[in-house]
Amino acid sequence: MASRKVLVLGSGGREHALALRLLVSPSVREVVVAPGNAGTARAPSSLSQKVLRNASGGALDVARAERPDLVVIGPEQPLCDGLADVLAAEGHVVFGPSRAAARLEGSKAFMKEFAKRHAIPTARHVVVSSPSELDAALAAFDAPPVVKADGLCAGKGVLVAPDHESARSAALAMLAGEAFGDAGRTVVLEERIEGREASVHAICDGERFVVLPAAQDHKRIFDGDAGPNTGGMGTYAPAPLVTPELSRVVEERILRPALRGMAAEGAPFRGALFAGLMITNTGEPMLLEFNVRFGDPETQVLMETLDGDFAEALFGAARGALAPNAIVASSRHAVCVVVAAAGYPGTPRTGDRIEGIDAAEAVPGVRVYHAGTRLDGEQVLTAGGRVLGVTAAADTLDLAHERAYTAVTRLRFEGMQFRRDIGTRALMSPRA
């Protein structure tokens, strides 16, 4: 019987995808999103017997007013700030790690040292906290290192430097607070690893975990992985690069040691653990980063490739009693194409009228997830950098790709931009 009320905290495409997937869970009758966006303001007509709505106010005030059975925290910043601890202290069941466990994402320096302590395969690194340390640290790398700001930078605090001087300039700007503010005042220099990236998520209850289908993100703004990094311009799942055999290696060498390590250090991890991986040219998985929440736009495709009671899985994990069979991977494939505003990933243009959402969703298997949108009466307007995540599901990757791009052509707003090559590498070469 559908009796559970779930509160989702956040306003992006990830939260829209989570809200809709939770809403179709058999155990759920109502989903409240705070603050939400134009897409989370109302449920699809096919779910008219269930309730989806937005709520305004601070997270704690909304939780007190709504009295949800489960709170799901979407973004990383409130997790790193300790929101899960505050809500749990008031008696709420919260899916999301404690502040102590969220250090895995909140500090890249902590994550790298943690990986070293627990023998998790990751690139060699040096932590730099002052300009006086920089030159000696750079000299420790024969090839130009990757430069990473220690703190949260919305997915943009990483530079793959073409040469040592570029690495030095970027690191100095971070250390001075000119790039990324306080988040960059400690810098991680990391050995560059060649290979292909993959995203692997696990739902964790502190001891046990369930691994979700692997996905591949496309970080750069332009086709062919050109231009600056973004929060993510599109994804597809499952990623054929991560074979069942490789997935087992990831579980044993990366995910399981991470959960055991966090528990041993007094910060058991309950929530979504997202391992950003580099699969080397020899087929070995290396940890690039841990995130402590569902990825965006990875969530959009993951929600289309799972069967079962998603809410029951999150509720069990939050209480330390994950039911391993609550959700299972389906046989479906999914592709998400992010449609962004003019100016993104810099200062985005906002306030433009979006047309064609209904026409896009008329394509079979397509769902348009809202991110940077707001309602003006009945009209949907742009309100952020990444505006929509056009997501298609199908029995094959090829058909999902075709459906997603057909739907994108039906959308219109001034200055809209999107990549035209999401998933094409996998279509040409399954192991790419």
Protein backbone atom coordinates (compact mmCIF):
# COMPACT_ATOMS: atom_id res chain seq x y z
CA MET A 1 0.00 0.00 0.00
CA ALA A 2 1.38 3.41 -1.01
CA SER A 3 1.66 5.27 2.28
CA ARG A 4 5.07 6.91 2.40
CA LYS A 5 5.72 10.65 2.05
CA VAL A 6 9.18 11.58 0.79
CA LEU A 7 10.85 14.99 0.93
CA VAL A 8 13.49 15.66 -1.75
CA LEU A 9 15.78 18.62 -1.10
CA GLY A 10 17.21 20.41 -4.14
CA SER A 11 16.25 22.21 -7.32
CA GLY A 12 18.08 20.59 -10.24
CA GLY A 13 17.64 17.91 -12.84
CA ARG A 14 18.88 15.29 -10.37
CA GLU A 15 16.11 16.19 -7.95
CA HIS A 16 13.43 16.12 -10.66
CA ALA A 17 14.62 12.66 -11.72
CA LEU A 18 14.73 11.41 -8.12
CA ALA A 19 11.28 12.83 -7.39
CA LEU A 20 9.62 11.14 -10.35
CA ARG A 21 11.34 7.81 -9.71
CA LEU A 22 10.33 7.95 -6.05
CA LEU A 23 6.78 8.83 -7.03
CA VAL A 24 6.37 5.62 -9.04
CA SER A 25 7.67 3.53 -6.14
CA PRO A 26 4.88 1.28 -4.84
CA SER A 27 5.50 2.37 -1.26
CA VAL A 28 5.11 6.13 -1.98
CA ARG A 29 1.94 8.23 -2.08
CA GLU A 30 3.43 11.72 -2.09
CA VAL A 31 6.71 13.48 -2.93
CA VAL A 32 7.47 17.02 -1.82
CA VAL A 33 10.41 18.88 -3.38
CA ALA A 34 12.02 21.93 -1.79
CA PRO A 35 12.63 24.31 -3.40
CA GLY A 36 12.15 22.41 -6.66
CA ASN A 37 11.75 23.80 -10.16
CA ALA A 38 9.12 24.08 -12.88
CA GLY A 39 9.25 20.34 -13.52
CA THR A 40 8.72 19.29 -9.91
CA ALA A 41 5.78 21.64 -9.45
CA ARG A 42 3.24 19.04 -10.55
CA ALA A 43 2.99 15.33 -11.21
CA PRO A 44 2.58 13.91 -14.74
CA SER A 45 -1.03 13.20 -15.71
CA SER A 46 -0.23 9.48 -15.74
CA LEU A 47 0.33 9.72 -11.98
CA SER A 48 -2.74 11.78 -11.15
CA GLN A 49 -3.56 9.48 -8.22
CA LYS A 50 -0.29 10.52 -6.55
CA VAL A 51 0.95 13.91 -5.36
CA LEU A 52 4.08 15.76 -6.50
CA ARG A 53 4.50 19.35 -5.36
CA ASN A 54 7.04 21.97 -4.38
CA ALA A 55 7.44 23.54 -0.96
CA SER A 56 9.17 26.78 -0.04
CA GLY A 57 11.27 27.63 2.97
CA GLY A 58 14.41 26.35 4.64
CA ALA A 59 15.08 22.62 4.67
CA LEU A 60 14.55 22.25 8.41
CA ASP A 61 11.33 24.28 8.38
CA VAL A 62 9.94 22.26 5.47
CA ALA A 63 10.84 18.98 7.15
CA ARG A 64 9.14 20.10 10.38
CA ALA A 65 6.01 21.16 8.51
CA GLU A 66 5.74 18.15 6.17
CA ARG A 67 6.76 15.41 8.62
CA PRO A 68 8.06 13.11 5.83
CA ASP A 69 8.79 9.44 6.28
CA LEU A 70 12.05 9.86 4.35
CA VAL A 71 14.24 12.85 3.46
CA VAL A 72 16.49 12.60 0.40
CA ILE A 73 19.19 15.29 0.14
CA GLY A 74 20.19 15.92 -3.47
CA PRO A 75 23.13 18.38 -3.69
CA GLU A 76 26.58 18.04 -2.17
CA GLN A 77 26.83 21.42 -0.43
CA PRO A 78 24.17 20.80 2.25
CA LEU A 79 25.59 17.33 2.87
CA CYS A 80 29.07 18.74 3.39
CA ASP A 81 27.56 21.42 5.64
CA GLY A 82 26.04 18.73 7.88
CA LEU A 83 22.34 18.97 6.99
CA ALA A 84 21.87 15.21 7.34
CA ASP A 85 23.11 15.40 10.95
CA VAL A 86 20.74 18.26 11.78
CA LEU A 87 17.72 16.47 10.31
CA ALA A 88 18.62 13.16 11.94
CA ALA A 89 18.94 14.90 15.31
CA GLU A 90 15.29 15.94 14.94
CA GLY A 91 14.24 12.35 14.33
CA HIS A 92 14.03 12.27 10.53
CA VAL A 93 15.08 9.28 8.45
CA VAL A 94 17.63 10.79 6.07
CA PHE A 95 19.19 9.35 2.93
CA GLY A 96 22.52 11.13 2.73
CA PRO A 97 25.81 10.88 4.62
CA SER A 98 26.81 12.67 7.78
CA ARG A 99 29.09 15.68 7.61
CA ALA A 100 32.01 13.51 8.65
CA ALA A 101 31.34 10.99 5.88
CA ALA A 102 30.73 13.76 3.33
CA ARG A 103 34.39 14.75 3.62
CA LEU A 104 34.97 12.20 0.87
CA GLU A 105 33.65 14.84 -1.51
CA GLY A 106 34.07 18.00 0.52
CA SER A 107 37.86 17.71 0.58
CA LYS A 108 39.85 16.17 -2.27
CA ALA A 109 42.90 16.16 -0.02
CA PHE A 110 41.01 14.10 2.58
CA MET A 111 39.75 11.72 -0.12
CA LYS A 112 43.22 11.14 -1.56
CA GLU A 113 44.75 10.49 1.85
CA PHE A 114 41.82 8.22 2.75
CA ALA A 115 42.35 6.21 -0.45
CA LYS A 116 46.04 5.89 0.38
CA ARG A 117 45.28 4.70 3.93
CA HIS A 118 42.91 2.01 2.69
CA ALA A 119 44.84 0.85 -0.40
CA ILE A 120 42.24 2.09 -2.87
CA PRO A 121 43.90 2.47 -6.29
CA THR A 122 44.27 6.15 -7.18
CA ALA A 123 46.84 8.39 -8.85
CA ARG A 124 49.92 9.63 -7.00
CA HIS A 125 49.31 13.07 -5.52
CA VAL A 126 50.80 15.97 -3.56
CA VAL A 127 48.79 18.36 -1.38
CA VAL A 128 49.84 22.03 -1.52
CA SER A 129 48.57 24.66 0.92
CA SER A 130 50.87 27.62 0.22
CA PRO A 131 52.63 29.14 -2.83
CA SER A 132 56.03 28.47 -1.24
CA GLU A 133 55.40 24.71 -1.53
CA LEU A 134 54.28 24.79 -5.14
CA ASP A 135 57.49 24.66 -7.17
CA ALA A 136 58.91 21.70 -5.26
CA ALA A 137 55.59 19.89 -5.59
CA LEU A 138 55.43 20.50 -9.33
CA ALA A 139 58.96 19.24 -9.74
CA ALA A 140 57.82 15.87 -8.37
CA PHE A 141 55.87 15.27 -11.59
CA ASP A 142 57.69 14.49 -14.84
CA ALA A 143 54.49 15.12 -16.85
CA PRO A 144 52.21 18.10 -16.15
CA PRO A 145 49.94 17.19 -13.22
CA VAL A 146 46.18 17.58 -12.92
CA VAL A 147 45.38 20.56 -10.66
CA LYS A 148 42.39 20.23 -8.34
CA ALA A 149 40.86 22.66 -5.90
CA ASP A 150 40.40 20.91 -2.57
CA GLY A 151 36.81 22.04 -1.92
CA LEU A 152 33.48 22.06 -3.74
CA CYS A 153 33.47 23.86 -7.10
CA ALA A 154 30.29 22.54 -8.81
CA GLY A 155 32.35 20.18 -10.95
CA LYS A 156 34.58 22.93 -12.34
CA GLY A 157 37.58 22.95 -10.01
CA VAL A 158 39.81 20.67 -12.08
CA LEU A 159 42.41 21.58 -14.70
CA VAL A 160 44.13 18.99 -16.86
CA ALA A 161 47.19 21.14 -17.44
CA PRO A 162 48.92 21.03 -20.86
CA ASP A 163 52.28 21.99 -19.34
CA HIS A 164 53.92 22.69 -15.99
CA GLU A 165 53.64 26.45 -16.34
CA SER A 166 49.86 26.22 -16.91
CA ALA A 167 49.62 24.00 -13.85
CA ARG A 168 51.62 26.50 -11.82
CA SER A 169 49.45 29.45 -12.90
CA ALA A 170 46.23 27.59 -12.15
CA ALA A 171 47.45 26.45 -8.75
CA LEU A 172 48.61 29.95 -7.79
CA ALA A 173 45.21 31.39 -8.72
CA MET A 174 43.52 28.77 -6.56
CA LEU A 175 45.84 29.23 -3.60
CA ALA A 176 45.30 33.00 -3.70
CA GLY A 177 41.52 32.57 -3.68
CA GLU A 178 41.21 34.15 -7.12
CA ALA A 179 39.80 30.92 -8.55
CA PHE A 180 37.04 29.20 -6.53
CA GLY A 181 37.49 31.30 -3.39
CA ASP A 182 38.17 29.39 -0.18
CA ALA A 183 37.54 26.07 -1.97
CA GLY A 184 40.85 26.49 -3.78
CA ARG A 185 43.11 27.60 -0.94
CA THR A 186 44.36 24.03 -0.68
CA VAL A 187 45.34 22.37 -3.96
CA VAL A 188 45.83 18.74 -4.92
CA LEU A 189 48.36 18.02 -7.66
CA GLU A 190 47.69 14.62 -9.16
CA GLU A 191 49.46 12.38 -11.63
CA ARG A 192 47.64 12.31 -14.95
CA ILE A 193 46.21 8.91 -15.91
CA GLU A 194 45.31 8.01 -19.49
CA GLY A 195 42.14 6.05 -20.19
CA ARG A 196 38.36 6.41 -20.29
CA GLU A 197 36.19 7.74 -17.47
CA ALA A 198 33.18 6.01 -15.96
CA SER A 199 30.73 6.78 -13.16
CA VAL A 200 29.74 4.02 -10.72
CA HIS A 201 27.11 4.63 -8.04
CA ALA A 202 26.33 2.50 -5.02
CA ILE A 203 23.48 2.82 -2.56
CA CYS A 204 25.04 2.20 0.86
CA ASP A 205 23.76 1.58 4.39
CA GLY A 206 27.07 1.89 6.21
CA GLU A 207 28.06 -1.77 5.69
CA ARG A 208 26.23 -3.14 2.66
CA PHE A 209 25.77 -1.67 -0.80
CA VAL A 210 23.95 -2.17 -4.09
CA VAL A 211 25.76 -1.13 -7.26
CA LEU A 212 23.78 0.68 -9.97
CA PRO A 213 24.47 0.47 -13.72
CA ALA A 214 27.68 2.23 -14.74
CA ALA A 215 27.30 5.50 -16.65
CA GLN A 216 29.53 7.78 -18.68
CA ASP A 217 29.37 11.56 -18.36
CA HIS A 218 30.46 14.17 -20.90
CA LYS A 219 32.00 17.04 -18.94
CA ARG A 220 33.21 19.46 -21.59
CA ILE A 221 30.87 22.05 -23.08
CA PHE A 222 31.55 21.29 -26.76
CA ASP A 223 31.51 18.24 -29.03
CA GLY A 224 34.63 16.12 -29.03
CA ASP A 225 35.34 16.98 -25.38
CA ALA A 226 36.45 20.50 -26.29
CA GLY A 227 36.13 23.65 -24.22
CA PRO A 228 35.88 24.19 -20.48
CA ASN A 229 34.50 21.75 -17.93
CA THR A 230 30.85 21.94 -16.94
CA GLY A 231 28.68 20.20 -14.39
CA GLY A 232 27.95 17.63 -17.12
CA MET A 233 26.48 17.95 -20.63
CA GLY A 234 25.02 14.48 -20.96
CA THR A 235 25.26 10.83 -19.98
CA TYR A 236 24.32 7.34 -21.02
CA ALA A 237 23.89 4.05 -19.15
CA PRO A 238 24.76 1.29 -18.89
CA ALA A 239 28.30 2.06 -20.04
CA PRO A 240 29.65 -0.99 -21.90
CA LEU A 241 33.16 0.02 -20.87
CA VAL A 242 32.36 -1.35 -17.40
CA THR A 243 31.88 -5.05 -18.03
CA PRO A 244 30.43 -7.35 -15.36
CA GLU A 245 33.97 -8.55 -14.61
CA LEU A 246 35.27 -5.00 -14.25
CA SER A 247 32.30 -4.08 -12.07
CA ARG A 248 33.28 -6.83 -9.64
CA VAL A 249 36.82 -5.45 -9.52
CA VAL A 250 35.44 -1.98 -8.74
CA GLU A 251 33.35 -3.45 -5.93
CA GLU A 252 36.24 -5.32 -4.33
CA ARG A 253 39.04 -2.79 -4.80
CA ILE A 254 37.20 0.52 -4.45
CA LEU A 255 33.67 0.40 -3.04
CA ARG A 256 34.04 -2.24 -0.34
CA PRO A 257 37.34 -0.82 1.03
CA ALA A 258 35.75 2.64 1.08
CA LEU A 259 32.79 1.50 3.19
CA ARG A 260 34.99 -0.51 5.52
CA GLY A 261 37.42 2.38 5.80
CA MET A 262 34.78 4.97 6.64
CA ALA A 263 33.25 2.68 9.27
CA ALA A 264 36.69 2.02 10.78
CA GLU A 265 37.34 5.77 10.96
CA GLY A 266 34.09 6.39 12.82
CA ALA A 267 32.05 7.83 9.95
CA PRO A 268 29.90 5.03 8.47
CA PHE A 269 28.70 5.98 5.00
CA ARG A 270 24.94 5.91 4.42
CA GLY A 271 23.79 7.38 1.14
CA ALA A 272 24.78 7.38 -2.52
CA LEU A 273 28.51 6.84 -3.00
CA PHE A 274 29.53 7.90 -6.50
CA ALA A 275 32.96 6.76 -7.65
CA GLY A 276 34.40 8.72 -10.55
CA LEU A 277 36.77 6.30 -12.22
CA MET A 278 39.44 6.24 -14.88
CA ILE A 279 39.63 2.90 -16.65
CA THR A 280 43.24 2.78 -17.76
CA ASN A 281 44.42 1.57 -21.14
CA THR A 282 45.29 -1.74 -19.48
CA GLY A 283 41.76 -2.13 -18.11
CA GLU A 284 42.47 -1.24 -14.48
CA PRO A 285 40.01 0.97 -12.55
CA MET A 286 41.61 3.96 -10.79
CA LEU A 287 39.68 6.26 -8.46
CA LEU A 288 39.60 9.88 -9.60
CA GLU A 289 37.16 11.16 -7.00
CA PHE A 290 34.37 10.20 -4.65
CA ASN A 291 31.10 12.11 -4.63
CA VAL A 292 28.69 11.61 -1.75
CA ARG A 293 25.41 11.99 -3.65
CA PHE A 294 23.83 11.00 -6.93
CA GLY A 295 25.51 12.57 -9.94
CA ASP A 296 23.87 15.10 -12.21
CA PRO A 297 23.18 14.25 -15.05
CA GLU A 298 23.98 10.59 -14.21
CA THR A 299 20.83 10.34 -12.09
CA GLN A 300 18.64 11.08 -15.08
CA VAL A 301 19.76 7.93 -16.90
CA LEU A 302 20.08 5.78 -13.78
CA MET A 303 16.47 6.37 -12.83
CA GLU A 304 15.44 5.06 -16.28
CA THR A 305 17.47 1.85 -15.95
CA LEU A 306 16.27 0.55 -12.57
CA ASP A 307 13.33 -1.65 -11.61
CA GLY A 308 11.84 -2.14 -8.17
CA ASP A 309 10.81 0.01 -5.21
CA PHE A 310 13.42 2.77 -5.25
CA ALA A 311 12.01 4.46 -2.16
CA GLU A 312 12.22 1.22 -0.19
CA ALA A 313 15.91 0.90 -1.13
CA LEU A 314 16.71 4.44 0.04
CA PHE A 315 14.63 4.07 3.21
CA GLY A 316 16.39 0.83 4.11
CA ALA A 317 19.82 2.29 3.43
CA ALA A 318 19.06 5.36 5.54
CA ARG A 319 18.15 3.12 8.48
CA GLY A 320 21.18 0.85 8.09
CA ALA A 321 19.08 -2.04 6.79
CA LEU A 322 19.41 -2.04 3.00
CA ALA A 323 17.32 -4.69 1.28
CA PRO A 324 19.63 -5.99 -1.47
CA ASN A 325 16.78 -6.94 -3.80
CA ALA A 326 14.67 -3.80 -3.44
CA ILE A 327 15.99 -2.54 -6.78
CA VAL A 328 17.59 -4.30 -9.74
CA ALA A 329 19.10 -3.16 -13.01
CA SER A 330 16.72 -3.42 -15.93
CA SER A 331 17.63 -4.34 -19.51
CA ARG A 332 16.91 -0.80 -20.70
CA HIS A 333 19.43 1.71 -22.03
CA ALA A 334 19.15 5.46 -21.48
CA VAL A 335 20.70 8.62 -22.93
CA CYS A 336 20.46 12.12 -21.43
CA VAL A 337 21.28 15.22 -23.47
CA VAL A 338 21.64 18.39 -21.40
CA VAL A 339 20.25 21.54 -23.00
CA ALA A 340 22.04 24.57 -21.58
CA ALA A 341 21.51 28.32 -21.66
CA ALA A 342 23.56 30.80 -23.65
CA GLY A 343 26.67 31.80 -21.73
CA TYR A 344 27.03 28.53 -19.84
CA PRO A 345 29.40 27.43 -18.27
CA GLY A 346 30.10 31.10 -17.59
CA THR A 347 27.29 33.47 -16.62
CA PRO A 348 24.14 32.00 -18.16
CA ARG A 349 21.39 33.98 -19.82
CA THR A 350 18.06 33.49 -17.99
CA GLY A 351 14.41 34.45 -18.36
CA ASP A 352 13.88 33.05 -21.86
CA ARG A 353 10.64 31.27 -22.73
CA ILE A 354 11.01 27.53 -23.34
CA GLU A 355 8.82 26.00 -26.01
CA GLY A 356 8.30 22.43 -27.14
CA ILE A 357 8.53 20.49 -23.87
CA ASP A 358 5.25 18.64 -24.49
CA ALA A 359 6.29 17.89 -28.07
CA ALA A 360 9.64 16.54 -26.86
CA GLU A 361 7.94 14.28 -24.31
CA ALA A 362 5.64 12.97 -27.04
CA VAL A 363 8.62 11.04 -28.43
CA PRO A 364 8.29 7.44 -27.16
CA GLY A 365 10.41 6.72 -24.10
CA VAL A 366 11.37 10.37 -23.51
CA ARG A 367 11.23 12.33 -20.27
CA VAL A 368 12.33 15.96 -20.08
CA TYR A 369 13.85 16.57 -16.67
CA HIS A 370 13.92 20.18 -15.56
CA ALA A 371 17.00 21.77 -13.98
CA GLY A 372 17.40 25.54 -14.39
CA THR A 373 13.72 26.38 -14.94
CA ARG A 374 10.99 28.37 -13.25
CA LEU A 375 7.29 28.97 -13.81
CA ASP A 376 5.84 32.32 -14.82
CA GLY A 377 2.14 31.57 -14.69
CA GLU A 378 1.84 28.59 -17.02
CA GLN A 379 4.97 29.48 -18.98
CA VAL A 380 8.31 27.74 -18.31
CA LEU A 381 11.32 30.07 -18.36
CA THR A 382 15.06 29.46 -18.19
CA ALA A 383 16.53 30.08 -14.74
CA GLY A 384 20.02 28.60 -14.75
CA GLY A 385 22.92 27.25 -16.76
CA ARG A 386 21.87 23.67 -17.37
CA VAL A 387 18.21 24.06 -18.24
CA LEU A 388 16.81 20.65 -19.24
CA GLY A 389 17.96 17.05 -19.35
CA VAL A 390 16.28 15.35 -22.31
CA THR A 391 16.36 11.67 -21.39
CA ALA A 392 15.28 8.72 -23.50
CA ALA A 393 15.01 5.04 -22.57
CA ALA A 394 14.87 2.14 -25.00
CA ASP A 395 15.83 -1.50 -25.43
CA THR A 396 19.06 -0.52 -27.19
CA LEU A 397 21.55 2.33 -26.82
CA ASP A 398 21.14 3.20 -30.49
CA LEU A 399 17.37 3.68 -30.16
CA ALA A 400 17.70 5.63 -26.90
CA HIS A 401 20.21 7.92 -28.63
CA GLU A 402 17.90 8.44 -31.61
CA ARG A 403 14.91 9.21 -29.38
CA ALA A 404 16.82 11.68 -27.20
CA TYR A 405 18.07 13.73 -30.14
CA THR A 406 14.71 13.64 -31.88
CA ALA A 407 13.21 15.13 -28.72
CA VAL A 408 15.92 17.80 -28.46
CA THR A 409 15.05 19.09 -31.94
CA ARG A 410 11.52 19.85 -30.72
CA LEU A 411 12.72 22.27 -28.02
CA ARG A 412 13.19 25.99 -28.51
CA PHE A 413 14.56 28.85 -26.45
CA GLU A 414 16.89 31.70 -27.27
CA GLY A 415 20.56 30.71 -27.24
CA MET A 416 20.01 27.04 -26.33
CA GLN A 417 23.13 24.92 -26.67
CA PHE A 418 23.78 21.19 -26.42
CA ARG A 419 26.33 18.60 -27.43
CA ARG A 420 25.56 16.45 -30.45
CA ASP A 421 27.83 13.55 -29.56
CA ILE A 422 26.47 12.17 -26.28
CA GLY A 423 27.00 8.41 -26.36
CA THR A 424 28.32 8.30 -29.92
CA ARG A 425 31.70 6.90 -28.88
CA ALA A 426 30.02 3.86 -27.32
CA LEU A 427 27.86 3.42 -30.42
CA MET A 428 30.98 3.30 -32.59
CA SER A 429 33.03 1.16 -30.20
CA PRO A 430 31.30 -0.60 -27.28
CA ARG A 431 34.45 -0.65 -25.14
CA ALA A 432 35.15 3.09 -25.62
